[in-house]
PDB file of N, CA and C in Angstrom:
ATOM      1  N   TYR A   1     -82.833 134.904 133.756  1.00  0.00           N
ATOM      2  CA  TYR A   1     -82.301 133.645 134.113  1.00  0.00           C
ATOM      3  C   TYR A   1     -81.670 133.756 135.550  1.00  0.00           C
ATOM      4  N   SER A   2     -81.822 132.563 136.203  1.00  0.00           N
ATOM      5  CA  SER A   2     -81.258 132.541 137.613  1.00  0.00           C
ATOM      6  C   SER A   2     -79.784 132.025 137.430  1.00  0.00           C
ATOM      7  N   GLY A   3     -79.062 132.049 138.554  1.00  0.00           N
ATOM      8  CA  GLY A   3     -77.549 131.333 138.488  1.00  0.00           C
ATOM      9  C   GLY A   3     -77.862 129.965 138.148  1.00  0.00           C
ATOM     10  N   ALA A   4     -78.657 129.213 138.639  1.00  0.00           N
ATOM     11  CA  ALA A   4     -78.904 127.741 138.224  1.00  0.00           C
ATOM     12  C   ALA A   4     -79.232 127.644 136.835  1.00  0.00           C
ATOM     13  N   ASP A   5     -80.009 128.440 136.242  1.00  0.00           N
ATOM     14  CA  ASP A   5     -80.333 128.448 134.882  1.00  0.00           C
ATOM     15  C   ASP A   5     -79.139 128.644 134.040  1.00  0.00           C
ATOM     16  N   ILE A   6     -78.296 129.685 134.418  1.00  0.00           N
ATOM     17  CA  ILE A   6     -77.110 129.813 133.655  1.00  0.00           C
ATOM     18  C   ILE A   6     -76.061 128.601 133.672  1.00  0.00           C
ATOM     19  N   ALA A   7     -76.023 128.088 134.908  1.00  0.00           N
ATOM     20  CA  ALA A   7     -75.146 126.925 135.038  1.00  0.00           C
ATOM     21  C   ALA A   7     -75.694 125.721 134.181  1.00  0.00           C
ATOM     22  N   VAL A   8     -76.842 125.583 134.033  1.00  0.00           N
ATOM     23  CA  VAL A   8     -77.469 124.520 133.034  1.00  0.00           C
ATOM     24  C   VAL A   8     -77.128 124.850 131.653  1.00  0.00           C
ATOM     25  N   VAL A   9     -77.069 126.159 131.214  1.00  0.00           N
ATOM     26  CA  VAL A   9     -76.888 126.598 129.943  1.00  0.00           C
ATOM     27  C   VAL A   9     -75.477 126.276 129.541  1.00  0.00           C
ATOM     28  N   CYS A  10     -74.516 126.514 130.587  1.00  0.00           N
ATOM     29  CA  CYS A  10     -73.163 126.429 130.455  1.00  0.00           C
ATOM     30  C   CYS A  10     -72.857 124.858 130.349  1.00  0.00           C
ATOM     31  N   ARG A  11     -73.488 124.047 131.048  1.00  0.00           N
ATOM     32  CA  ARG A  11     -73.249 122.510 131.068  1.00  0.00           C
ATOM     33  C   ARG A  11     -73.683 122.102 129.697  1.00  0.00           C
ATOM     34  N   GLU A  12     -74.788 122.421 129.203  1.00  0.00           N
ATOM     35  CA  GLU A  12     -75.452 122.049 127.873  1.00  0.00           C
ATOM     36  C   GLU A  12     -74.393 122.445 126.737  1.00  0.00           C
ATOM     37  N   ALA A  13     -73.883 123.650 126.792  1.00  0.00           N
ATOM     38  CA  ALA A  13     -72.779 124.166 125.771  1.00  0.00           C
ATOM     39  C   ALA A  13     -71.712 123.275 125.884  1.00  0.00           C
ATOM     40  N   LEU A  14     -71.178 122.922 127.098  1.00  0.00           N
ATOM     41  CA  LEU A  14     -69.901 122.067 127.250  1.00  0.00           C
ATOM     42  C   LEU A  14     -70.234 120.654 126.479  1.00  0.00           C
ATOM     43  N   LEU A  15     -71.416 120.282 126.655  1.00  0.00           N
ATOM     44  CA  LEU A  15     -71.802 118.827 126.040  1.00  0.00           C
ATOM     45  C   LEU A  15     -71.886 118.820 124.638  1.00  0.00           C
ATOM     46  N   ARG A  16     -72.259 119.873 124.070  1.00  0.00           N
ATOM     47  CA  ARG A  16     -72.498 119.946 122.677  1.00  0.00           C
ATOM     48  C   ARG A  16     -71.351 119.338 121.821  1.00  0.00           C
ATOM     49  N   PRO A  17     -70.039 119.782 122.104  1.00  0.00           N
ATOM     50  CA  PRO A  17     -69.041 119.420 121.333  1.00  0.00           C
ATOM     51  C   PRO A  17     -68.725 117.891 121.526  1.00  0.00           C
ATOM     52  N   ILE A  18     -69.035 117.287 122.812  1.00  0.00           N
ATOM     53  CA  ILE A  18     -68.816 115.870 123.078  1.00  0.00           C
ATOM     54  C   ILE A  18     -69.751 115.054 122.295  1.00  0.00           C
ATOM     55  N   ARG A  19     -71.166 115.706 122.042  1.00  0.00           N
ATOM     56  CA  ARG A  19     -72.164 114.724 121.226  1.00  0.00           C
ATOM     57  C   ARG A  19     -71.530 114.764 119.934  1.00  0.00           C
ATOM     58  N   ARG A  20     -70.966 115.736 119.349  1.00  0.00           N
ATOM     59  CA  ARG A  20     -70.517 115.846 118.040  1.00  0.00           C
ATOM     60  C   ARG A  20     -69.496 114.796 117.777  1.00  0.00           C
ATOM     61  N   LEU A  21     -68.713 114.591 118.720  1.00  0.00           N
ATOM     62  CA  LEU A  21     -67.553 113.530 118.578  1.00  0.00           C
ATOM     63  C   LEU A  21     -68.233 112.183 118.427  1.00  0.00           C
ATOM     64  N   GLY A  22     -69.363 111.853 119.317  1.00  0.00           N
ATOM     65  CA  GLY A  22     -69.858 110.657 119.284  1.00  0.00           C
ATOM     66  C   GLY A  22     -70.516 110.364 118.054  1.00  0.00           C
ATOM     67  N   SER A  23     -70.843 111.241 117.148  1.00  0.00           N
ATOM     68  CA  SER A  23     -71.673 111.099 115.960  1.00  0.00           C
ATOM     69  C   SER A  23     -70.714 111.274 114.729  1.00  0.00           C
ATOM     70  N   ALA A  24     -69.552 111.710 115.043  1.00  0.00           N
ATOM     71  CA  ALA A  24     -68.486 112.022 113.913  1.00  0.00           C
ATOM     72  C   ALA A  24     -68.258 110.800 113.140  1.00  0.00           C
ATOM     73  N   THR A  25     -68.040 111.081 111.689  1.00  0.00           N
ATOM     74  CA  THR A  25     -67.630 109.923 110.980  1.00  0.00           C
ATOM     75  C   THR A  25     -66.220 110.355 110.323  1.00  0.00           C
ATOM     76  N   HIS A  26     -65.853 111.520 110.468  1.00  0.00           N
ATOM     77  CA  HIS A  26     -64.494 112.079 109.886  1.00  0.00           C
ATOM     78  C   HIS A  26     -63.652 112.838 110.813  1.00  0.00           C
ATOM     79  N   PHE A  27     -62.434 112.443 110.736  1.00  0.00           N
ATOM     80  CA  PHE A  27     -61.442 113.245 111.444  1.00  0.00           C
ATOM     81  C   PHE A  27     -60.371 113.451 110.680  1.00  0.00           C
ATOM     82  N   LYS A  28     -59.550 114.488 111.091  1.00  0.00           N
ATOM     83  CA  LYS A  28     -58.090 114.870 110.446  1.00  0.00           C
ATOM     84  C   LYS A  28     -57.014 114.981 111.428  1.00  0.00           C
ATOM     85  N   ARG A  29     -55.826 114.661 110.974  1.00  0.00           N
ATOM     86  CA  ARG A  29     -54.627 114.953 111.918  1.00  0.00           C
ATOM     87  C   ARG A  29     -54.310 116.439 112.036  1.00  0.00           C
ATOM     88  N   VAL A  30     -53.970 116.958 113.243  1.00  0.00           N
ATOM     89  CA  VAL A  30     -53.811 118.303 113.509  1.00  0.00           C
ATOM     90  C   VAL A  30     -52.332 118.136 114.448  1.00  0.00           C
ATOM     91  N   PRO A  31     -51.418 119.217 114.236  1.00  0.00           N
ATOM     92  CA  PRO A  31     -50.406 119.220 115.474  1.00  0.00           C
ATOM     93  C   PRO A  31     -50.720 119.329 116.752  1.00  0.00           C
ATOM     94  N   ASN A  32     -50.062 118.514 117.586  1.00  0.00           N
ATOM     95  CA  ASN A  32     -50.422 118.781 119.145  1.00  0.00           C
ATOM     96  C   ASN A  32     -49.884 119.903 119.559  1.00  0.00           C
ATOM     97  N   PRO A  33     -50.560 121.060 120.156  1.00  0.00           N
ATOM     98  CA  PRO A  33     -49.899 122.057 120.596  1.00  0.00           C
ATOM     99  C   PRO A  33     -49.075 121.926 121.876  1.00  0.00           C
ATOM    100  N   LYS A  34     -49.303 120.692 122.739  1.00  0.00           N
ATOM    101  CA  LYS A  34     -48.507 120.495 123.749  1.00  0.00           C
ATOM    102  C   LYS A  34     -47.249 119.848 123.422  1.00  0.00           C
ATOM    103  N   PRO A  35     -46.140 120.131 124.187  1.00  0.00           N
ATOM    104  CA  PRO A  35     -44.908 119.464 123.834  1.00  0.00           C
ATOM    105  C   PRO A  35     -44.765 117.967 124.238  1.00  0.00           C
ATOM    106  N   ASP A  36     -45.671 117.601 125.201  1.00  0.00           N
ATOM    107  CA  ASP A  36     -45.686 116.373 125.812  1.00  0.00           C
ATOM    108  C   ASP A  36     -46.733 115.529 124.942  1.00  0.00           C
ATOM    109  N   GLY A  37     -46.719 114.085 124.919  1.00  0.00           N
ATOM    110  CA  GLY A  37     -47.790 113.333 124.091  1.00  0.00           C
ATOM    111  C   GLY A  37     -47.447 113.210 122.854  1.00  0.00           C
ATOM    112  N   PRO A  38     -48.397 112.685 122.007  1.00  0.00           N
ATOM    113  CA  PRO A  38     -48.185 112.378 120.596  1.00  0.00           C
ATOM    114  C   PRO A  38     -47.969 113.572 119.790  1.00  0.00           C
ATOM    115  N   ARG A  39     -47.348 113.732 118.669  1.00  0.00           N
ATOM    116  CA  ARG A  39     -46.966 114.768 117.907  1.00  0.00           C
ATOM    117  C   ARG A  39     -48.304 115.359 117.136  1.00  0.00           C
ATOM    118  N   GLN A  40     -49.230 114.286 116.698  1.00  0.00           N
ATOM    119  CA  GLN A  40     -50.515 114.803 116.146  1.00  0.00           C
ATOM    120  C   GLN A  40     -51.553 114.256 116.809  1.00  0.00           C
ATOM    121  N   LEU A  41     -52.707 114.884 116.821  1.00  0.00           N
ATOM    122  CA  LEU A  41     -53.986 114.606 117.354  1.00  0.00           C
ATOM    123  C   LEU A  41     -55.048 114.446 116.286  1.00  0.00           C
ATOM    124  N   TRP A  42     -56.233 113.745 116.547  1.00  0.00           N
ATOM    125  CA  TRP A  42     -57.272 113.677 115.612  1.00  0.00           C
ATOM    126  C   TRP A  42     -58.330 114.712 116.127  1.00  0.00           C
ATOM    127  N   LEU A  43     -58.777 115.394 115.008  1.00  0.00           N
ATOM    128  CA  LEU A  43     -59.603 116.508 115.321  1.00  0.00           C
ATOM    129  C   LEU A  43     -60.971 116.226 114.532  1.00  0.00           C
ATOM    130  N   VAL A  44     -62.193 116.327 115.011  1.00  0.00           N
ATOM    131  CA  VAL A  44     -63.420 116.090 114.317  1.00  0.00           C
ATOM    132  C   VAL A  44     -63.413 117.031 113.072  1.00  0.00           C
ATOM    133  N   CYS A  45     -63.785 116.575 111.863  1.00  0.00           N
ATOM    134  CA  CYS A  45     -63.962 117.575 110.911  1.00  0.00           C
ATOM    135  C   CYS A  45     -65.229 117.227 109.764  1.00  0.00           C
ATOM    136  N   SER A  46     -65.319 118.094 108.978  1.00  0.00           N
ATOM    137  CA  SER A  46     -66.442 117.655 107.998  1.00  0.00           C
ATOM    138  C   SER A  46     -65.921 116.618 106.860  1.00  0.00           C
ATOM    139  N   PRO A  47     -66.858 115.766 106.460  1.00  0.00           N
ATOM    140  CA  PRO A  47     -66.426 114.844 105.421  1.00  0.00           C
ATOM    141  C   PRO A  47     -65.814 115.427 104.221  1.00  0.00           C
ATOM    142  N   GLY A  48     -66.137 116.697 103.951  1.00  0.00           N
ATOM    143  CA  GLY A  48     -65.682 117.628 102.841  1.00  0.00           C
ATOM    144  C   GLY A  48     -64.263 118.235 102.980  1.00  0.00           C
ATOM    145  N   ASP A  49     -63.726 118.115 104.084  1.00  0.00           N
ATOM    146  CA  ASP A  49     -62.359 118.595 104.564  1.00  0.00           C
ATOM    147  C   ASP A  49     -61.369 117.892 103.646  1.00  0.00           C
ATOM    148  N   PRO A  50     -60.477 118.531 102.938  1.00  0.00           N
ATOM    149  CA  PRO A  50     -59.365 117.725 102.165  1.00  0.00           C
ATOM    150  C   PRO A  50     -58.657 116.869 102.877  1.00  0.00           C
ATOM    151  N   ASP A  51     -58.569 116.990 104.151  1.00  0.00           N
ATOM    152  CA  ASP A  51     -57.575 116.170 104.904  1.00  0.00           C
ATOM    153  C   ASP A  51     -58.325 115.167 105.819  1.00  0.00           C
ATOM    154  N   ALA A  52     -59.837 115.107 105.583  1.00  0.00           N
ATOM    155  CA  ALA A  52     -60.556 114.128 106.395  1.00  0.00           C
ATOM    156  C   ALA A  52     -60.357 112.838 106.024  1.00  0.00           C
ATOM    157  N   GLU A  53     -60.359 111.873 107.192  1.00  0.00           N
ATOM    158  CA  GLU A  53     -60.213 110.506 106.961  1.00  0.00           C
ATOM    159  C   GLU A  53     -61.443 109.785 107.595  1.00  0.00           C
ATOM    160  N   GLU A  54     -62.197 108.811 106.946  1.00  0.00           N
ATOM    161  CA  GLU A  54     -63.296 108.361 107.494  1.00  0.00           C
ATOM    162  C   GLU A  54     -62.815 107.481 108.742  1.00  0.00           C
ATOM    163  N   LEU A  55     -63.380 107.768 109.944  1.00  0.00           N
ATOM    164  CA  LEU A  55     -62.940 107.196 111.161  1.00  0.00           C
ATOM    165  C   LEU A  55     -64.038 107.482 112.225  1.00  0.00           C
ATOM    166  N   THR A  56     -64.060 106.515 113.061  1.00  0.00           N
ATOM    167  CA  THR A  56     -65.123 106.788 114.261  1.00  0.00           C
ATOM    168  C   THR A  56     -64.363 106.975 115.544  1.00  0.00           C
ATOM    169  N   LEU A  57     -65.012 107.513 116.493  1.00  0.00           N
ATOM    170  CA  LEU A  57     -64.414 107.869 117.806  1.00  0.00           C
ATOM    171  C   LEU A  57     -63.969 106.580 118.506  1.00  0.00           C
ATOM    172  N   ASP A  58     -64.466 105.474 118.227  1.00  0.00           N
ATOM    173  CA  ASP A  58     -63.940 104.190 118.970  1.00  0.00           C
ATOM    174  C   ASP A  58     -62.739 103.714 118.410  1.00  0.00           C
ATOM    175  N   LYS A  59     -62.180 104.164 117.330  1.00  0.00           N
ATOM    176  CA  LYS A  59     -61.088 103.824 116.717  1.00  0.00           C
ATOM    177  C   LYS A  59     -59.933 104.589 117.084  1.00  0.00           C
ATOM    178  N   ILE A  60     -60.124 105.689 117.835  1.00  0.00           N
ATOM    179  CA  ILE A  60     -59.066 106.641 118.258  1.00  0.00           C
ATOM    180  C   ILE A  60     -58.616 106.500 119.705  1.00  0.00           C
ATOM    181  N   LYS A  61     -57.318 106.463 119.875  1.00  0.00           N
ATOM    182  CA  LYS A  61     -56.871 106.356 121.263  1.00  0.00           C
ATOM    183  C   LYS A  61     -57.183 107.739 121.886  1.00  0.00           C
ATOM    184  N   SER A  62     -57.580 107.632 123.316  1.00  0.00           N
ATOM    185  CA  SER A  62     -57.985 108.952 124.083  1.00  0.00           C
ATOM    186  C   SER A  62     -56.918 109.848 124.152  1.00  0.00           C
ATOM    187  N   ASP A  63     -55.592 109.447 124.191  1.00  0.00           N
ATOM    188  CA  ASP A  63     -54.457 110.514 124.284  1.00  0.00           C
ATOM    189  C   ASP A  63     -54.297 110.966 122.857  1.00  0.00           C
ATOM    190  N   GLU A  64     -54.880 110.648 121.691  1.00  0.00           N
ATOM    191  CA  GLU A  64     -54.702 111.086 120.487  1.00  0.00           C
ATOM    192  C   GLU A  64     -55.895 111.922 119.937  1.00  0.00           C
ATOM    193  N   LEU A  65     -56.714 112.185 120.799  1.00  0.00           N
ATOM    194  CA  LEU A  65     -57.982 113.102 120.441  1.00  0.00           C
ATOM    195  C   LEU A  65     -57.785 114.450 120.727  1.00  0.00           C
ATOM    196  N   CYS A  66     -58.052 115.290 119.803  1.00  0.00           N
ATOM    197  CA  CYS A  66     -58.002 116.831 119.939  1.00  0.00           C
ATOM    198  C   CYS A  66     -59.519 117.081 120.631  1.00  0.00           C
ATOM    199  N   GLU A  67     -59.591 117.637 121.750  1.00  0.00           N
ATOM    200  CA  GLU A  67     -60.849 117.937 122.345  1.00  0.00           C
ATOM    201  C   GLU A  67     -61.341 119.169 121.621  1.00  0.00           C
ATOM    202  N   PRO A  68     -62.616 119.112 120.963  1.00  0.00           N
ATOM    203  CA  PRO A  68     -63.002 120.098 120.358  1.00  0.00           C
ATOM    204  C   PRO A  68     -63.570 121.395 121.436  1.00  0.00           C
ATOM    205  N   PRO A  69     -63.185 122.598 120.814  1.00  0.00           N
ATOM    206  CA  PRO A  69     -63.474 123.628 121.606  1.00  0.00           C
ATOM    207  C   PRO A  69     -65.130 123.955 121.696  1.00  0.00           C
ATOM    208  N   VAL A  70     -65.463 124.663 122.838  1.00  0.00           N
ATOM    209  CA  VAL A  70     -66.726 125.158 122.852  1.00  0.00           C
ATOM    210  C   VAL A  70     -66.900 126.472 121.954  1.00  0.00           C
ATOM    211  N   SER A  71     -67.898 126.508 121.041  1.00  0.00           N
ATOM    212  CA  SER A  71     -67.989 127.851 120.160  1.00  0.00           C
ATOM    213  C   SER A  71     -69.054 128.638 120.745  1.00  0.00           C
ATOM    214  N   MET A  72     -69.196 129.815 120.207  1.00  0.00           N
ATOM    215  CA  MET A  72     -70.265 130.589 120.454  1.00  0.00           C
ATOM    216  C   MET A  72     -71.695 130.083 119.784  1.00  0.00           C
ATOM    217  N   SER A  73     -71.532 129.214 118.759  1.00  0.00           N
ATOM    218  CA  SER A  73     -72.711 128.756 118.287  1.00  0.00           C
ATOM    219  C   SER A  73     -73.246 127.649 119.119  1.00  0.00           C
ATOM    220  N   ASP A  74     -72.313 126.935 120.010  1.00  0.00           N
ATOM    221  CA  ASP A  74     -72.719 125.979 121.076  1.00  0.00           C
ATOM    222  C   ASP A  74     -73.455 126.730 122.116  1.00  0.00           C
ATOM    223  N   MET A  75     -72.890 127.856 122.434  1.00  0.00           N
ATOM    224  CA  MET A  75     -73.637 128.790 123.639  1.00  0.00           C
ATOM    225  C   MET A  75     -74.942 129.196 123.165  1.00  0.00           C
ATOM    226  N   LEU A  76     -74.983 129.642 121.864  1.00  0.00           N
ATOM    227  CA  LEU A  76     -76.295 130.130 121.526  1.00  0.00           C
ATOM    228  C   LEU A  76     -77.260 129.034 121.406  1.00  0.00           C
ATOM    229  N   ALA A  77     -76.970 127.859 120.887  1.00  0.00           N
ATOM    230  CA  ALA A  77     -77.694 126.713 120.820  1.00  0.00           C
ATOM    231  C   ALA A  77     -78.405 126.246 122.157  1.00  0.00           C
ATOM    232  N   ALA A  78     -77.423 126.247 123.092  1.00  0.00           N
ATOM    233  CA  ALA A  78     -77.782 125.846 124.548  1.00  0.00           C
ATOM    234  C   ALA A  78     -78.765 126.793 125.137  1.00  0.00           C
ATOM    235  N   LEU A  79     -78.546 128.285 124.656  1.00  0.00           N
ATOM    236  CA  LEU A  79     -79.418 129.091 125.254  1.00  0.00           C
ATOM    237  C   LEU A  79     -80.771 129.048 124.701  1.00  0.00           C
ATOM    238  N   ALA A  80     -80.949 128.680 123.358  1.00  0.00           N
ATOM    239  CA  ALA A  80     -82.068 128.581 122.707  1.00  0.00           C
ATOM    240  C   ALA A  80     -82.960 127.327 123.271  1.00  0.00           C
ATOM    241  N   THR A  81     -82.361 126.371 123.773  1.00  0.00           N
ATOM    242  CA  THR A  81     -82.952 125.145 124.240  1.00  0.00           C
ATOM    243  C   THR A  81     -83.377 125.202 125.736  1.00  0.00           C
ATOM    244  N   GLN A  82     -82.589 125.940 126.482  1.00  0.00           N
ATOM    245  CA  GLN A  82     -82.895 126.114 127.926  1.00  0.00           C
ATOM    246  C   GLN A  82     -83.610 127.427 128.223  1.00  0.00           C
ATOM    247  N   LYS A  83     -84.860 127.295 128.655  1.00  0.00           N
ATOM    248  CA  LYS A  83     -85.563 128.480 129.122  1.00  0.00           C
ATOM    249  C   LYS A  83     -85.409 128.749 130.576  1.00  0.00           C
ATOM    250  N   PRO A  84     -85.617 130.109 130.900  1.00  0.00           N
ATOM    251  CA  PRO A  84     -85.305 130.528 132.238  1.00  0.00           C
ATOM    252  C   PRO A  84     -86.612 129.979 132.958  1.00  0.00           C
ATOM    253  N   THR A  85     -86.092 129.677 134.378  1.00  0.00           N
ATOM    254  CA  THR A  85     -87.055 129.265 135.236  1.00  0.00           C
ATOM    255  C   THR A  85     -87.761 130.463 136.164  1.00  0.00           C
ATOM    256  N   VAL A  86     -87.083 131.484 135.916  1.00  0.00           N
ATOM    257  CA  VAL A  86     -87.609 132.877 136.827  1.00  0.00           C
ATOM    258  C   VAL A  86     -88.449 133.638 135.874  1.00  0.00           C
ATOM    259  N   GLY A  87     -89.728 133.836 136.226  1.00  0.00           N
ATOM    260  CA  GLY A  87     -90.517 134.494 135.440  1.00  0.00           C
ATOM    261  C   GLY A  87     -90.598 136.148 135.699  1.00  0.00           C
ATOM    262  N   GLU A  88     -91.206 137.005 135.072  1.00  0.00           N
ATOM    263  CA  GLU A  88     -91.365 138.484 135.214  1.00  0.00           C
ATOM    264  C   GLU A  88     -91.915 138.611 136.679  1.00  0.00           C
ATOM    265  N   ALA A  89     -93.029 137.774 137.186  1.00  0.00           N
ATOM    266  CA  ALA A  89     -93.552 138.116 138.551  1.00  0.00           C
ATOM    267  C   ALA A  89     -92.565 137.764 139.562  1.00  0.00           C
ATOM    268  N   ASP A  90     -91.485 136.830 139.322  1.00  0.00           N
ATOM    269  CA  ASP A  90     -90.410 136.578 140.422  1.00  0.00           C
ATOM    270  C   ASP A  90     -89.520 137.857 140.394  1.00  0.00           C
ATOM    271  N   LEU A  91     -89.222 138.355 139.234  1.00  0.00           N
ATOM    272  CA  LEU A  91     -88.340 139.415 139.223  1.00  0.00           C
ATOM    273  C   LEU A  91     -88.928 140.777 139.847  1.00  0.00           C
ATOM    274  N   LEU A  92     -90.135 140.856 139.680  1.00  0.00           N
ATOM    275  CA  LEU A  92     -90.915 141.889 140.303  1.00  0.00           C
ATOM    276  C   LEU A  92     -90.971 141.910 141.881  1.00  0.00           C
ATOM    277  N   ALA A  93     -91.254 140.746 142.295  1.00  0.00           N
ATOM    278  CA  ALA A  93     -91.240 140.390 143.842  1.00  0.00           C
ATOM    279  C   ALA A  93     -89.875 140.704 144.298  1.00  0.00           C
ATOM    280  N   GLN A  94     -88.720 140.169 143.543  1.00  0.00           N
ATOM    281  CA  GLN A  94     -87.424 140.402 144.181  1.00  0.00           C
ATOM    282  C   GLN A  94     -86.974 141.931 144.090  1.00  0.00           C
ATOM    283  N   LYS A  95     -87.433 142.865 143.199  1.00  0.00           N
ATOM    284  CA  LYS A  95     -87.225 144.197 143.105  1.00  0.00           C
ATOM    285  C   LYS A  95     -88.026 144.782 144.291  1.00  0.00           C
ATOM    286  N   LYS A  96     -89.205 144.367 144.415  1.00  0.00           N
ATOM    287  CA  LYS A  96     -89.896 145.092 145.808  1.00  0.00           C
ATOM    288  C   LYS A  96     -89.379 144.680 146.992  1.00  0.00           C
ATOM    289  N   PHE A  97     -88.893 143.497 147.090  1.00  0.00           N
ATOM    290  CA  PHE A  97     -88.030 142.986 148.236  1.00  0.00           C
ATOM    291  C   PHE A  97     -86.829 143.937 148.537  1.00  0.00           C
ATOM    292  N   THR A  98     -86.057 144.052 147.682  1.00  0.00           N
ATOM    293  CA  THR A  98     -84.934 144.787 147.635  1.00  0.00           C
ATOM    294  C   THR A  98     -85.123 146.302 147.973  1.00  0.00           C
ATOM    295  N   GLN A  99     -86.171 146.814 147.361  1.00  0.00           N
ATOM    296  CA  GLN A  99     -86.581 148.338 147.705  1.00  0.00           C
ATOM    297  C   GLN A  99     -87.141 148.382 149.084  1.00  0.00           C
ATOM    298  N   GLU A 100     -87.608 147.344 149.621  1.00  0.00           N
ATOM    299  CA  GLU A 100     -88.123 147.501 150.966  1.00  0.00           C
ATOM    300  C   GLU A 100     -87.137 147.166 152.029  1.00  0.00           C
ATOM    301  N   PHE A 101     -86.416 146.143 151.746  1.00  0.00           N
ATOM    302  CA  PHE A 101     -85.437 145.580 152.811  1.00  0.00           C
ATOM    303  C   PHE A 101     -84.072 145.752 152.497  1.00  0.00           C
ATOM    304  N   GLY A 102     -83.552 146.305 151.307  1.00  0.00           N
ATOM    305  CA  GLY A 102     -82.124 146.568 150.998  1.00  0.00           C
ATOM    306  C   GLY A 102     -81.621 145.367 150.220  1.00  0.00           C
ATOM    307  N   GLN A 103     -80.478 145.532 149.912  1.00  0.00           N
ATOM    308  CA  GLN A 103     -79.681 144.409 149.202  1.00  0.00           C
ATOM    309  C   GLN A 103     -79.453 143.130 150.139  1.00  0.00           C
ATOM    310  N   GLU A 104     -78.968 143.514 151.370  1.00  0.00           N
ATOM    311  CA  GLU A 104     -78.582 142.466 152.323  1.00  0.00           C
ATOM    312  C   GLU A 104     -79.767 142.058 153.160  1.00  0.00           C
ATOM    313  N   GLY A 105     -81.038 142.568 152.974  1.00  0.00           N
ATOM    314  CA  GLY A 105     -82.030 142.219 153.795  1.00  0.00           C
ATOM    315  C   GLY A 105     -82.209 143.157 155.158  1.00  0.00           C
ATOM    316  N   SER A 106     -81.405 144.081 155.274  1.00  0.00           N
ATOM    317  CA  SER A 106     -81.465 144.867 156.427  1.00  0.00           C
ATOM    318  C   SER A 106     -81.916 146.332 156.167  1.00  0.00           C
TER     319      SER A 106
END
């Protein structure tokens, strides 16, 4: 993976929780960890959660939404969908160049 490939994977992983928010049908109230703002926030949850309330994102005020965290499963799913743009031949050419000219090209 190139640096640009890694940036694409990270961006994809960051968007996965946002996409879940858009299709969510159930949320639950959780305490706000920050001292300012509302005392409770809405967190996306499973319909089977005992505290779940049927609700859609458009019914929640933006300052009352608990941003879902990016999980390892988000990272792994993003990695599975984004393929490297650097091939084995590119890596061998880079290695040969580094051996001939050094790390800095001198």
